[in-house]
Amino acid sequence: MSRSIGPELRRRWQRLAGIPGGKWLFSRLLGRFVPYTGTLGARIDVLEPGHCVVRLDDRRKLRNHLQSVHAMALANLGEMATGLALMNGLPDNTRGILAGFNIEYLKKARGRLVAECRCEVPDNNAEREVEVLCEICNTDNEVVTVARAQWLIGPEQPV
């Protein structure tokens, strides 16, 4: 399983979010910690226990042959938002790992996209699966994608 990242997320966000360029820097640091997710170039705008807002600017390297944001880029964005909202709020010494993922593509995703996730965060680290929902909207505030992530949480495992 994985180690708990919640305490480090909280510490770095609290330290950086309030300073000029801090959210951008936090987003880049997260991308170095989770390299595949970092390839999106998304920016975290809100990070609270059980709530996350991530912005993704439409760029050529994220597009498919239909000139819209690629399905897997949208899935990556949904996983990122659900994981951040949940992990940031989990009690210390709690780890989480993605156990399942379902995504619905409702319309072509173009322009600036905003992924928002709100979820209930468990107050203990008893092992269980938690479903977390994320909606991704376009600049007209239309939902283009709905992602449902199943996160397996539990006590941190010794390394």
Protein backbone atom coordinates (compact mmCIF):
# COMPACT_ATOMS: atom_id res chain seq x y z
CA MET A 1 0.00 0.00 0.00
CA SER A 2 1.05 3.64 0.16
CA ARG A 3 2.26 6.09 2.76
CA SER A 4 0.11 8.90 4.08
CA ILE A 5 0.54 12.14 2.14
CA GLY A 6 -2.19 14.17 3.86
CA PRO A 7 -0.01 15.86 6.50
CA GLU A 8 2.57 16.95 3.93
CA LEU A 9 -0.14 18.24 1.57
CA ARG A 10 -1.69 20.31 4.34
CA ARG A 11 1.64 21.70 5.52
CA ARG A 12 2.82 22.77 2.08
CA TRP A 13 -0.55 24.20 1.03
CA GLN A 14 -0.86 26.23 4.24
CA ARG A 15 2.65 27.55 3.75
CA LEU A 16 2.31 28.46 0.05
CA ALA A 17 -1.34 29.23 -0.78
CA GLY A 18 -1.37 32.70 0.77
CA ILE A 19 1.76 34.09 -0.87
CA PRO A 20 1.99 35.53 -4.39
CA GLY A 21 2.59 32.67 -6.82
CA GLY A 22 2.21 30.15 -4.01
CA LYS A 23 -0.66 28.19 -5.56
CA TRP A 24 1.29 27.93 -8.80
CA LEU A 25 4.37 26.74 -6.90
CA PHE A 26 2.32 24.20 -4.91
CA SER A 27 0.84 22.88 -8.17
CA ARG A 28 4.33 22.46 -9.66
CA LEU A 29 5.62 20.74 -6.51
CA LEU A 30 2.67 18.35 -6.62
CA GLY A 31 3.57 17.61 -10.23
CA ARG A 32 7.10 16.67 -9.19
CA PHE A 33 5.75 14.44 -6.41
CA VAL A 34 3.24 12.77 -8.78
CA PRO A 35 5.00 13.03 -12.17
CA TYR A 36 2.22 11.67 -14.39
CA THR A 37 -0.31 14.07 -12.92
CA GLY A 38 2.23 16.86 -13.30
CA THR A 39 2.14 16.43 -17.08
CA LEU A 40 -1.31 18.07 -17.11
CA GLY A 41 0.00 21.42 -15.94
CA ALA A 42 -3.16 21.93 -13.86
CA ARG A 43 -3.36 24.50 -11.08
CA ILE A 44 -4.92 23.92 -7.68
CA ASP A 45 -7.06 26.92 -6.73
CA VAL A 46 -8.80 25.57 -3.60
CA LEU A 47 -7.60 22.85 -1.27
CA GLU A 48 -9.51 22.19 1.91
CA PRO A 49 -10.39 18.96 3.67
CA GLY A 50 -13.12 17.46 1.51
CA HIS A 51 -13.00 20.21 -1.13
CA CYS A 52 -10.72 20.80 -4.07
CA VAL A 53 -10.89 23.01 -7.16
CA VAL A 54 -8.38 22.39 -9.95
CA ARG A 55 -8.11 24.50 -13.11
CA LEU A 56 -6.84 23.18 -16.41
CA ASP A 57 -6.13 25.42 -19.38
CA ASP A 58 -6.81 23.91 -22.78
CA ARG A 59 -3.52 23.43 -24.63
CA ARG A 60 -2.61 21.71 -27.86
CA LYS A 61 -0.66 18.94 -26.11
CA LEU A 62 -3.83 17.94 -24.19
CA ARG A 63 -6.04 17.71 -27.28
CA ASN A 64 -7.26 14.75 -29.27
CA HIS A 65 -8.02 14.46 -32.98
CA LEU A 66 -11.42 16.13 -32.40
CA GLN A 67 -9.72 19.29 -31.12
CA SER A 68 -11.07 18.80 -27.60
CA VAL A 69 -9.29 17.85 -24.38
CA HIS A 70 -8.33 14.18 -24.50
CA ALA A 71 -10.42 11.72 -22.48
CA MET A 72 -7.43 10.52 -20.45
CA ALA A 73 -6.43 14.08 -19.58
CA LEU A 74 -9.95 14.54 -18.19
CA ALA A 75 -9.66 11.27 -16.26
CA ASN A 76 -6.30 12.37 -14.84
CA LEU A 77 -7.85 15.70 -13.80
CA GLY A 78 -10.76 13.92 -12.09
CA GLU A 79 -8.45 11.56 -10.24
CA MET A 80 -6.30 14.49 -9.15
CA ALA A 81 -9.23 16.48 -7.76
CA THR A 82 -10.80 13.53 -5.93
CA GLY A 83 -7.48 12.43 -4.46
CA LEU A 84 -6.54 15.91 -3.25
CA ALA A 85 -9.94 16.58 -1.66
CA LEU A 86 -9.89 13.26 0.17
CA MET A 87 -6.20 12.91 1.09
CA ASN A 88 -5.90 16.47 2.36
CA GLY A 89 -8.60 15.81 4.94
CA LEU A 90 -7.70 12.32 6.13
CA PRO A 91 -6.36 11.86 9.64
CA ASP A 92 -2.59 11.56 10.00
CA ASN A 93 -1.26 8.02 9.54
CA THR A 94 -3.95 7.25 6.95
CA ARG A 95 -3.04 6.15 3.43
CA GLY A 96 -5.14 5.96 0.33
CA ILE A 97 -4.88 4.26 -3.02
CA LEU A 98 -7.15 4.43 -6.03
CA ALA A 99 -9.09 1.16 -6.23
CA GLY A 100 -11.55 1.96 -9.01
CA PHE A 101 -12.55 4.70 -11.38
CA ASN A 102 -15.57 5.46 -13.54
CA ILE A 103 -15.94 8.42 -15.86
CA GLU A 104 -18.74 9.82 -18.02
CA TYR A 105 -17.94 12.12 -20.91
CA LEU A 106 -21.00 14.31 -21.42
CA LYS A 107 -19.74 16.76 -24.04
CA LYS A 108 -16.54 17.81 -25.75
CA ALA A 109 -14.24 19.58 -23.33
CA ARG A 110 -12.77 22.79 -24.69
CA GLY A 111 -11.37 25.96 -23.19
CA ARG A 112 -10.49 26.42 -19.54
CA LEU A 113 -11.83 23.55 -17.45
CA VAL A 114 -12.56 23.54 -13.74
CA ALA A 115 -12.70 20.28 -11.78
CA GLU A 116 -14.47 20.55 -8.44
CA CYS A 117 -14.77 17.87 -5.82
CA ARG A 118 -16.62 17.97 -2.51
CA CYS A 119 -16.66 14.88 -0.34
CA GLU A 120 -17.19 13.64 3.16
CA VAL A 121 -13.85 12.85 4.75
CA PRO A 122 -13.74 9.94 7.22
CA ASP A 123 -12.61 10.97 10.69
CA ASN A 124 -10.71 7.74 11.37
CA ASN A 125 -8.40 5.48 9.39
CA ALA A 126 -10.46 2.29 9.51
CA GLU A 127 -9.91 0.38 6.29
CA ARG A 128 -12.71 0.94 3.80
CA GLU A 129 -13.54 2.12 0.31
CA VAL A 130 -14.75 5.70 -0.18
CA GLU A 131 -16.44 6.89 -3.38
CA VAL A 132 -15.59 10.46 -4.33
CA LEU A 133 -17.34 12.39 -7.12
CA CYS A 134 -15.85 15.16 -9.27
CA GLU A 135 -17.53 17.33 -11.87
CA ILE A 136 -15.51 19.02 -14.60
CA CYS A 137 -17.08 22.14 -16.12
CA ASN A 138 -16.20 24.32 -19.09
CA THR A 139 -16.13 28.14 -19.19
CA ASP A 140 -19.91 28.22 -19.71
CA ASN A 141 -20.25 26.28 -16.42
CA GLU A 142 -21.57 23.24 -18.30
CA VAL A 143 -20.63 19.86 -16.86
CA VAL A 144 -18.52 18.11 -19.50
CA THR A 145 -17.30 15.17 -17.42
CA VAL A 146 -18.30 13.37 -14.22
CA ALA A 147 -15.67 11.21 -12.53
CA ARG A 148 -16.31 8.75 -9.69
CA ALA A 149 -13.23 7.48 -7.91
CA GLN A 150 -13.19 4.64 -5.38
CA TRP A 151 -10.38 5.26 -2.90
CA LEU A 152 -9.29 2.49 -0.54
CA ILE A 153 -8.20 4.11 2.70
CA GLY A 154 -6.75 2.57 5.83
CA PRO A 155 -3.95 2.73 8.38
CA GLU A 156 -0.54 3.73 7.02
CA GLN A 157 1.58 0.67 6.26
CA PRO A 158 5.18 0.40 7.48
CA VAL A 159 7.67 1.13 4.73
